[in-house]
């Protein structure tokens, strides 16, 4: 409540933020685009919670993230 830095965090490069122990703030070009991002966030969170019994989370490296961006976003 009363956080002044939250609007400064949202941009076209960062369309979503998770406000710790409170909420998620998501933007998009239109309502459908915004809802799609919310759905992805929900599915990702659910996947992390459901996978917890399988074992420890092993995040991918920055290099792997860039490779995925290169292949799927063609950048």
N, C-alpha and C. Protein backbone atom coordinates (compact mmCIF):
# COMPACT_ATOMS: atom_id res chain seq x y z
N UNK A 1 0.84 -1.18 0.00
CA UNK A 1 0.00 0.00 0.00
C UNK A 1 0.89 1.24 0.00
N UNK A 2 0.61 2.14 -0.90
CA UNK A 2 1.36 3.38 -0.95
C UNK A 2 2.72 3.28 -1.61
N UNK A 3 3.00 2.16 -2.30
CA UNK A 3 4.30 2.03 -2.96
C UNK A 3 4.35 2.95 -4.16
N UNK A 4 5.36 3.77 -4.24
CA UNK A 4 5.50 4.72 -5.34
C UNK A 4 6.33 4.15 -6.48
N UNK A 5 7.07 3.07 -6.24
CA UNK A 5 7.98 2.54 -7.27
C UNK A 5 7.30 1.56 -8.23
N UNK A 6 6.13 1.06 -7.90
CA UNK A 6 5.47 0.06 -8.74
C UNK A 6 5.18 0.57 -10.15
N UNK A 7 4.61 1.77 -10.34
CA UNK A 7 4.38 2.23 -11.71
C UNK A 7 5.67 2.36 -12.53
N UNK A 8 6.77 2.63 -11.87
CA UNK A 8 8.05 2.76 -12.57
C UNK A 8 8.59 1.41 -13.05
N UNK A 9 8.12 0.32 -12.46
CA UNK A 9 8.59 -1.02 -12.83
C UNK A 9 7.91 -1.54 -14.09
N UNK A 10 6.69 -1.11 -14.36
CA UNK A 10 5.92 -1.59 -15.51
C UNK A 10 6.37 -0.85 -16.77
N UNK A 11 6.63 -1.63 -17.83
CA UNK A 11 6.99 -1.05 -19.12
C UNK A 11 6.66 -2.07 -20.21
N UNK A 12 6.89 -1.72 -21.45
CA UNK A 12 6.64 -2.69 -22.53
C UNK A 12 7.59 -3.87 -22.42
N UNK A 13 8.77 -3.65 -21.87
CA UNK A 13 9.73 -4.74 -21.67
C UNK A 13 9.46 -5.56 -20.42
N UNK A 14 8.73 -5.00 -19.48
CA UNK A 14 8.35 -5.68 -18.24
C UNK A 14 6.86 -5.46 -18.03
N UNK A 15 6.03 -6.25 -18.74
CA UNK A 15 4.58 -6.03 -18.68
C UNK A 15 3.91 -6.65 -17.45
N UNK A 16 4.67 -7.38 -16.64
CA UNK A 16 4.08 -8.06 -15.48
C UNK A 16 5.03 -7.96 -14.29
N UNK A 17 4.45 -7.75 -13.11
CA UNK A 17 5.25 -7.80 -11.89
C UNK A 17 4.46 -8.57 -10.83
N UNK A 18 5.19 -9.26 -9.99
CA UNK A 18 4.60 -9.95 -8.85
C UNK A 18 4.93 -9.13 -7.62
N UNK A 19 3.90 -8.71 -6.91
CA UNK A 19 4.09 -7.93 -5.69
C UNK A 19 4.08 -8.93 -4.54
N UNK A 20 5.24 -9.11 -3.95
CA UNK A 20 5.47 -10.17 -2.96
C UNK A 20 4.37 -10.24 -1.90
N UNK A 21 3.84 -11.45 -1.76
CA UNK A 21 2.80 -11.74 -0.76
C UNK A 21 1.56 -10.86 -0.89
N UNK A 22 1.29 -10.37 -2.10
CA UNK A 22 0.15 -9.49 -2.25
C UNK A 22 -0.64 -9.75 -3.53
N UNK A 23 -0.02 -9.51 -4.68
CA UNK A 23 -0.78 -9.57 -5.93
C UNK A 23 0.15 -9.65 -7.13
N UNK A 24 -0.48 -9.66 -8.30
CA UNK A 24 0.25 -9.62 -9.55
C UNK A 24 -0.35 -8.48 -10.37
N UNK A 25 0.50 -7.73 -11.05
CA UNK A 25 0.05 -6.63 -11.89
C UNK A 25 0.51 -6.93 -13.31
N UNK A 26 -0.46 -7.01 -14.23
CA UNK A 26 -0.16 -7.41 -15.60
C UNK A 26 -0.79 -6.41 -16.56
N UNK A 27 -0.03 -6.03 -17.59
CA UNK A 27 -0.54 -5.12 -18.61
C UNK A 27 -0.47 -5.81 -19.97
N UNK A 28 -1.15 -5.23 -20.95
CA UNK A 28 -1.11 -5.76 -22.31
C UNK A 28 -1.69 -4.76 -23.28
N UNK A 29 -1.60 -5.08 -24.56
CA UNK A 29 -2.10 -4.18 -25.60
C UNK A 29 -3.62 -4.08 -25.59
N UNK A 30 -4.28 -5.15 -25.14
CA UNK A 30 -5.74 -5.16 -25.03
C UNK A 30 -6.12 -6.17 -23.95
N UNK A 31 -7.39 -6.27 -23.65
CA UNK A 31 -7.85 -7.13 -22.57
C UNK A 31 -7.48 -8.60 -22.81
N UNK A 32 -7.64 -9.08 -24.03
CA UNK A 32 -7.33 -10.47 -24.34
C UNK A 32 -5.84 -10.76 -24.16
N UNK A 33 -5.00 -9.86 -24.62
CA UNK A 33 -3.55 -10.01 -24.48
C UNK A 33 -3.15 -10.03 -23.00
N UNK A 34 -3.74 -9.14 -22.22
CA UNK A 34 -3.47 -9.07 -20.78
C UNK A 34 -3.92 -10.35 -20.08
N UNK A 35 -5.12 -10.82 -20.43
CA UNK A 35 -5.63 -12.06 -19.84
C UNK A 35 -4.73 -13.24 -20.19
N UNK A 36 -4.23 -13.29 -21.42
CA UNK A 36 -3.33 -14.36 -21.83
C UNK A 36 -2.07 -14.37 -20.97
N UNK A 37 -1.52 -13.21 -20.69
CA UNK A 37 -0.33 -13.14 -19.81
C UNK A 37 -0.66 -13.60 -18.40
N UNK A 38 -1.84 -13.24 -17.91
CA UNK A 38 -2.26 -13.68 -16.59
C UNK A 38 -2.40 -15.20 -16.54
N UNK A 39 -2.95 -15.76 -17.60
CA UNK A 39 -3.11 -17.22 -17.68
C UNK A 39 -1.76 -17.93 -17.66
N UNK A 40 -0.79 -17.38 -18.38
CA UNK A 40 0.56 -17.96 -18.40
C UNK A 40 1.18 -17.89 -17.00
N UNK A 41 1.00 -16.77 -16.32
CA UNK A 41 1.53 -16.63 -14.96
C UNK A 41 0.89 -17.65 -14.02
N UNK A 42 -0.43 -17.82 -14.13
CA UNK A 42 -1.14 -18.79 -13.29
C UNK A 42 -0.67 -20.21 -13.57
N UNK A 43 -0.55 -20.57 -14.83
CA UNK A 43 -0.12 -21.92 -15.20
C UNK A 43 1.31 -22.18 -14.72
N UNK A 44 2.18 -21.18 -14.85
CA UNK A 44 3.56 -21.33 -14.40
C UNK A 44 3.62 -21.54 -12.89
N UNK A 45 2.86 -20.74 -12.15
CA UNK A 45 2.85 -20.88 -10.69
C UNK A 45 2.31 -22.25 -10.28
N UNK A 46 1.23 -22.67 -10.93
CA UNK A 46 0.65 -23.98 -10.62
C UNK A 46 1.64 -25.10 -10.92
N UNK A 47 2.36 -24.98 -12.02
CA UNK A 47 3.35 -26.00 -12.40
C UNK A 47 4.46 -26.10 -11.36
N UNK A 48 4.92 -24.95 -10.87
CA UNK A 48 5.97 -24.95 -9.85
C UNK A 48 5.50 -25.62 -8.56
N UNK A 49 4.27 -25.30 -8.14
CA UNK A 49 3.73 -25.88 -6.91
C UNK A 49 3.52 -27.39 -7.07
N UNK A 50 2.98 -27.80 -8.21
CA UNK A 50 2.71 -29.23 -8.42
C UNK A 50 3.99 -30.04 -8.59
N UNK A 51 5.07 -29.42 -9.08
CA UNK A 51 6.33 -30.14 -9.31
C UNK A 51 7.18 -30.23 -8.05
N UNK A 52 6.84 -29.50 -7.02
CA UNK A 52 7.64 -29.49 -5.78
C UNK A 52 7.92 -30.88 -5.24
N UNK A 53 6.95 -31.81 -5.21
CA UNK A 53 7.23 -33.15 -4.67
C UNK A 53 8.24 -33.95 -5.51
N UNK A 54 8.43 -33.57 -6.76
CA UNK A 54 9.35 -34.30 -7.63
C UNK A 54 10.81 -34.03 -7.27
N UNK A 55 11.11 -32.80 -6.85
CA UNK A 55 12.48 -32.46 -6.50
C UNK A 55 12.74 -30.98 -6.57
N UNK A 56 13.99 -30.63 -6.40
CA UNK A 56 14.42 -29.24 -6.37
C UNK A 56 14.31 -28.58 -7.75
N UNK A 57 13.94 -27.31 -7.75
CA UNK A 57 13.85 -26.54 -8.98
C UNK A 57 15.26 -26.24 -9.48
N UNK A 58 15.51 -26.49 -10.76
CA UNK A 58 16.80 -26.18 -11.37
C UNK A 58 16.57 -25.17 -12.50
N UNK A 59 16.73 -23.89 -12.20
CA UNK A 59 16.49 -22.86 -13.22
C UNK A 59 17.45 -23.01 -14.40
N UNK A 60 16.99 -22.60 -15.57
CA UNK A 60 17.86 -22.64 -16.73
C UNK A 60 18.78 -21.41 -16.70
N UNK A 61 19.90 -21.51 -17.38
CA UNK A 61 20.89 -20.43 -17.37
C UNK A 61 20.47 -19.29 -18.31
N UNK A 62 21.13 -18.17 -18.17
CA UNK A 62 20.88 -17.03 -19.06
C UNK A 62 21.16 -17.41 -20.51
N UNK A 63 22.18 -18.21 -20.73
CA UNK A 63 22.52 -18.66 -22.08
C UNK A 63 21.38 -19.48 -22.67
N UNK A 64 20.78 -20.36 -21.86
CA UNK A 64 19.67 -21.17 -22.33
C UNK A 64 18.44 -20.31 -22.61
N UNK A 65 18.21 -19.29 -21.81
CA UNK A 65 17.10 -18.37 -22.04
C UNK A 65 17.30 -17.66 -23.37
N UNK A 66 18.50 -17.19 -23.63
CA UNK A 66 18.79 -16.50 -24.89
C UNK A 66 18.61 -17.43 -26.08
N UNK A 67 18.99 -18.69 -25.93
CA UNK A 67 18.82 -19.66 -27.00
C UNK A 67 17.33 -19.88 -27.30
N UNK A 68 16.52 -19.97 -26.25
CA UNK A 68 15.08 -20.11 -26.44
C UNK A 68 14.49 -18.88 -27.13
N UNK A 69 14.94 -17.71 -26.72
CA UNK A 69 14.47 -16.47 -27.36
C UNK A 69 14.85 -16.47 -28.84
N UNK A 70 16.08 -16.86 -29.13
CA UNK A 70 16.56 -16.85 -30.51
C UNK A 70 15.71 -17.79 -31.38
N UNK A 71 15.43 -18.99 -30.85
CA UNK A 71 14.69 -19.98 -31.62
C UNK A 71 13.20 -19.63 -31.75
N UNK A 72 12.58 -19.26 -30.63
CA UNK A 72 11.13 -19.06 -30.64
C UNK A 72 10.69 -17.65 -31.01
N UNK A 73 11.52 -16.66 -30.73
CA UNK A 73 11.15 -15.29 -31.05
C UNK A 73 11.85 -14.78 -32.30
N UNK A 74 12.75 -15.60 -32.84
CA UNK A 74 13.47 -15.27 -34.09
C UNK A 74 14.15 -13.91 -33.99
N UNK A 75 14.84 -13.66 -32.86
CA UNK A 75 15.55 -12.39 -32.69
C UNK A 75 17.03 -12.60 -32.71
